């Protein structure tokens, strides 16, 4: 009897496991934990990605600061250039009075400069002569040092070095003598100036102005900037 029970137990030991138990064991075996190395690699990749994003953000902020600094630098440089040009190369002045009509009119604003300037016949200049008035005046250079000037007031014609000037810029012929009483030779380093509105201009015919030392010339007028409808060079 005992031998028969022992044989039955040995037989059951070799019987196949029920299907439900087999699936349970298989499930347990399939739920294996991820290897430690994979977890560490994922954590490392996550840290690396965060570091790269942080680095990109810092570079972007730095680039924005650099761009802003460049803009500020450009603006400051442009302002300095404008100031230096204004001081050393040019400035703007306003026309007062009617003595330069119909070339210039009261209220016109001009760009003038005396940088490397040597007066020439036909130049429009801004000058100051304290014996006439403290304010600057605008006139046209008719003759320079060493040239002779004469005016025929009967015919209204101006002569320089014996040659009649062709003056298509004047408002009318020159009939008003003021204090001019005959041919003169312009001293070296001086100029003889007239207004284009000849009979309504105080200029070198007036003894208070006379021939003007070039040191009193503030600058040559190059451009009219206002009114905008008349913007452009004065010598077209």
Protein backbone atom coordinates (compact mmCIF):
# COMPACT_ATOMS: atom_id res chain seq x y z
CA UNK A 1 0.00 0.00 0.00
CA UNK A 2 2.76 2.38 0.93
CA UNK A 3 4.65 1.45 -2.20
CA UNK A 4 1.56 2.20 -4.33
CA UNK A 5 1.12 5.70 -2.75
CA UNK A 6 4.78 6.47 -3.31
CA UNK A 7 4.50 5.52 -6.96
CA UNK A 8 1.40 7.72 -7.39
CA UNK A 9 3.23 10.75 -5.96
CA UNK A 10 6.18 10.15 -8.29
CA UNK A 11 3.80 9.88 -11.23
CA UNK A 12 2.11 13.19 -10.35
CA UNK A 13 5.56 14.81 -10.18
CA UNK A 14 6.01 14.05 -13.85
CA UNK A 15 2.53 15.13 -14.96
CA UNK A 16 2.35 18.35 -17.10
CA UNK A 17 1.43 21.59 -15.33
CA UNK A 18 -2.10 22.92 -15.88
CA UNK A 19 -2.43 25.54 -18.64
CA UNK A 20 -3.54 28.32 -16.23
CA UNK A 21 -0.47 27.83 -14.07
CA UNK A 22 1.78 27.73 -17.15
CA UNK A 23 0.44 31.14 -18.32
CA UNK A 24 0.94 32.59 -14.86
CA UNK A 25 4.56 31.48 -14.73
CA UNK A 26 5.16 32.79 -18.26
CA UNK A 27 3.69 36.16 -17.27
CA UNK A 28 5.95 36.42 -14.29
CA UNK A 29 8.99 35.59 -16.36
CA UNK A 30 8.05 38.18 -19.07
CA UNK A 31 7.73 41.06 -16.56
CA UNK A 32 11.47 41.43 -16.15
CA UNK A 33 12.74 44.85 -14.92
CA UNK A 34 14.68 47.10 -17.39
CA UNK A 35 18.39 46.80 -17.09
CA UNK A 36 20.06 49.47 -14.88
CA UNK A 37 22.25 50.56 -17.79
CA UNK A 38 19.22 51.60 -19.91
CA UNK A 39 17.80 53.70 -17.07
CA UNK A 40 21.09 55.46 -16.56
CA UNK A 41 21.39 56.15 -20.32
CA UNK A 42 17.87 57.66 -20.42
CA UNK A 43 18.66 59.90 -17.47
CA UNK A 44 21.92 60.98 -19.10
CA UNK A 45 20.17 61.80 -22.39
CA UNK A 46 17.55 63.83 -20.54
CA UNK A 47 20.23 65.87 -18.74
CA UNK A 48 22.12 66.36 -22.03
CA UNK A 49 18.98 67.60 -23.81
CA UNK A 50 18.23 70.06 -21.00
CA UNK A 51 21.82 71.35 -21.07
CA UNK A 52 21.71 71.88 -24.85
CA UNK A 53 18.43 73.79 -24.60
CA UNK A 54 19.86 75.95 -21.82
CA UNK A 55 22.98 76.63 -23.89
CA UNK A 56 20.93 77.59 -26.95
CA UNK A 57 18.83 79.96 -24.82
CA UNK A 58 21.96 81.62 -23.44
CA UNK A 59 23.42 82.01 -26.94
CA UNK A 60 20.16 83.54 -28.19
CA UNK A 61 20.07 86.03 -25.30
CA UNK A 62 23.72 86.89 -25.89
CA UNK A 63 23.08 87.42 -29.61
CA UNK A 64 20.12 89.70 -28.84
CA UNK A 65 22.30 91.76 -26.51
CA UNK A 66 25.02 91.96 -29.17
CA UNK A 67 22.51 93.07 -31.82
CA UNK A 68 21.09 95.73 -29.51
CA UNK A 69 24.59 97.00 -28.71
CA UNK A 70 25.43 97.16 -32.43
CA UNK A 71 22.30 99.22 -33.11
CA UNK A 72 23.10 101.63 -30.27
CA UNK A 73 26.68 101.92 -31.50
CA UNK A 74 25.51 102.70 -35.06
CA UNK A 75 23.08 105.37 -33.82
CA UNK A 76 25.70 107.02 -31.60
CA UNK A 77 28.27 106.96 -34.42
CA UNK A 78 25.79 108.52 -36.85
CA UNK A 79 24.97 111.29 -34.35
CA UNK A 80 28.67 112.00 -33.77
CA UNK A 81 29.31 112.17 -37.52
CA UNK A 82 26.40 114.60 -37.97
CA UNK A 83 27.67 116.78 -35.13
CA UNK A 84 31.22 116.82 -36.49
CA UNK A 85 29.98 117.61 -40.00
CA UNK A 86 27.84 120.39 -38.61
CA UNK A 87 30.76 121.88 -36.65
CA UNK A 88 33.55 121.48 -39.18
CA UNK A 89 31.95 120.99 -42.58
CA UNK A 90 28.54 122.56 -42.74
CA UNK A 91 25.59 124.18 -41.05
CA UNK A 92 22.21 125.56 -41.97
CA UNK A 93 21.27 129.24 -42.08
CA UNK A 94 18.06 131.06 -42.87
CA UNK A 95 17.65 133.79 -45.46
CA UNK A 96 16.43 137.13 -44.12
CA UNK A 97 15.17 139.88 -46.40
CA UNK A 98 14.65 140.19 -50.15
CA UNK A 99 18.14 141.18 -51.38
CA UNK A 100 18.75 137.82 -53.10
CA UNK A 101 15.43 137.49 -54.93
CA UNK A 102 14.63 135.87 -57.22
CA UNK A 103 17.35 133.30 -56.43
CA UNK A 104 16.58 133.09 -52.72
CA UNK A 105 13.59 134.16 -50.68
CA UNK A 106 13.07 135.08 -47.06
CA UNK A 107 12.66 131.96 -44.95
CA UNK A 108 14.70 129.70 -47.24
CA UNK A 109 17.17 127.53 -45.33
CA UNK A 110 20.58 126.85 -46.81
CA UNK A 111 23.38 124.39 -46.16
CA UNK A 112 26.69 126.24 -46.05
CA UNK A 113 30.30 125.19 -45.53
CA UNK A 114 33.70 126.87 -45.35
CA UNK A 115 35.70 123.63 -45.27
CA UNK A 116 38.66 124.02 -47.69
CA UNK A 117 36.76 126.91 -49.26
CA UNK A 118 38.31 129.54 -51.55
CA UNK A 119 35.87 132.18 -52.86
CA UNK A 120 35.15 132.16 -56.60
CA UNK A 121 33.11 134.41 -58.87
CA UNK A 122 29.45 133.48 -58.81
CA UNK A 123 29.51 131.84 -55.37
CA UNK A 124 26.64 132.57 -53.02
CA UNK A 125 28.17 133.26 -49.61
CA UNK A 126 27.03 133.99 -46.09
CA UNK A 127 29.11 136.68 -44.40
CA UNK A 128 29.14 139.00 -41.45
CA UNK A 129 30.25 142.64 -41.54
CA UNK A 130 29.91 144.31 -38.14
CA UNK A 131 30.14 147.80 -39.66
CA UNK A 132 26.84 147.03 -41.42
CA UNK A 133 24.94 144.76 -39.00
CA UNK A 134 25.64 141.99 -36.50
CA UNK A 135 23.45 139.45 -38.31
CA UNK A 136 24.85 137.39 -41.16
CA UNK A 137 23.88 138.40 -44.70
CA UNK A 138 23.70 136.44 -47.95
CA UNK A 139 25.29 137.82 -51.15
CA UNK A 140 26.89 136.71 -54.41
CA UNK A 141 30.62 137.03 -55.09
CA UNK A 142 31.15 139.25 -58.15
CA UNK A 143 34.93 139.63 -58.02
CA UNK A 144 37.86 138.35 -55.96
CA UNK A 145 41.18 139.86 -54.91
CA UNK A 146 43.12 141.54 -57.74
CA UNK A 147 40.12 141.92 -60.07
CA UNK A 148 38.63 145.27 -61.08
CA UNK A 149 34.94 146.14 -60.82
CA UNK A 150 33.04 148.86 -62.63
CA UNK A 151 29.31 149.45 -63.00
CA UNK A 152 27.47 151.34 -65.74
CA UNK A 153 24.39 152.49 -63.87
CA UNK A 154 22.85 154.01 -66.98
CA UNK A 155 22.83 150.64 -68.73
CA UNK A 156 22.63 148.62 -65.51
CA UNK A 157 25.65 146.49 -66.48
CA UNK A 158 28.45 145.23 -64.18
CA UNK A 159 31.99 144.88 -65.57
CA UNK A 160 34.76 142.74 -64.11
CA UNK A 161 38.23 143.17 -65.57
CA UNK A 162 36.61 145.15 -68.38
CA UNK A 163 34.22 142.34 -69.37
CA UNK A 164 30.44 142.70 -69.02
CA UNK A 165 29.00 139.96 -66.83
CA UNK A 166 26.24 137.75 -68.17
CA UNK A 167 23.99 137.66 -65.15
CA UNK A 168 20.98 135.48 -65.77
CA UNK A 169 20.44 135.15 -62.00
CA UNK A 170 19.61 138.82 -61.25
CA UNK A 171 16.13 140.08 -60.58
CA UNK A 172 16.72 143.29 -62.55
CA UNK A 173 19.59 145.34 -63.99
CA UNK A 174 21.86 147.34 -61.67
CA UNK A 175 20.66 150.97 -61.58
CA UNK A 176 21.21 151.83 -57.91
CA UNK A 177 24.70 153.21 -57.20
CA UNK A 178 24.54 153.68 -53.41
CA UNK A 179 28.09 154.80 -52.45
CA UNK A 180 29.85 153.30 -55.49
CA UNK A 181 31.57 156.09 -57.43
CA UNK A 182 33.79 154.41 -60.00
CA UNK A 183 36.03 151.50 -60.91
CA UNK A 184 37.80 149.78 -58.01
CA UNK A 185 40.37 147.05 -57.65
CA UNK A 186 39.43 144.41 -55.07
CA UNK A 187 42.19 144.06 -52.42
CA UNK A 188 43.90 140.69 -52.10
CA UNK A 189 42.17 138.50 -49.56
CA UNK A 190 38.84 140.28 -50.14
CA UNK A 191 35.77 139.91 -52.34
CA UNK A 192 33.26 142.27 -53.95
CA UNK A 193 29.68 141.10 -53.37
CA UNK A 194 26.26 142.10 -54.70
CA UNK A 195 22.72 140.95 -54.04
CA UNK A 196 20.80 139.39 -56.93
CA UNK A 197 17.93 141.82 -56.30
CA UNK A 198 20.25 144.65 -57.31
CA UNK A 199 18.06 147.66 -56.62
CA UNK A 200 16.90 146.41 -53.24
CA UNK A 201 20.20 145.21 -51.85
CA UNK A 202 22.85 146.69 -49.56
CA UNK A 203 26.15 145.17 -50.61
CA UNK A 204 29.68 146.19 -51.62
CA UNK A 205 28.27 149.37 -53.20
CA UNK A 206 27.42 150.43 -49.64
CA UNK A 207 30.42 151.98 -47.84
CA UNK A 208 29.39 150.19 -44.62
CA UNK A 209 30.11 146.88 -46.36
CA UNK A 210 32.56 147.64 -49.18
CA UNK A 211 34.99 144.92 -50.20
CA UNK A 212 34.70 142.09 -47.67
CA UNK A 213 37.71 140.39 -46.11
CA UNK A 214 37.39 136.65 -46.79
CA UNK A 215 37.83 136.01 -43.06
CA UNK A 216 34.34 137.43 -42.61
CA UNK A 217 32.86 134.80 -44.89
CA UNK A 218 31.07 132.20 -42.78
CA UNK A 219 30.70 129.80 -45.70
CA UNK A 220 29.55 129.13 -49.21
CA UNK A 221 25.89 128.22 -49.68
CA UNK A 222 25.53 124.91 -51.53
CA UNK A 223 22.01 123.60 -51.08
CA UNK A 224 18.55 124.91 -50.28
CA UNK A 225 16.88 122.46 -47.89
CA UNK A 226 13.58 124.26 -47.29
CA UNK A 227 11.02 124.78 -48.58
CA UNK A 228 11.05 121.17 -49.73
CA UNK A 229 9.45 122.14 -53.02
CA UNK A 230 12.67 124.05 -53.86
CA UNK A 231 15.10 121.53 -52.38
CA UNK A 232 18.33 121.18 -54.32
CA UNK A 233 21.63 122.70 -55.38
CA UNK A 234 21.90 126.45 -55.84
CA UNK A 235 24.06 126.06 -58.92
CA UNK A 236 21.99 123.94 -61.31
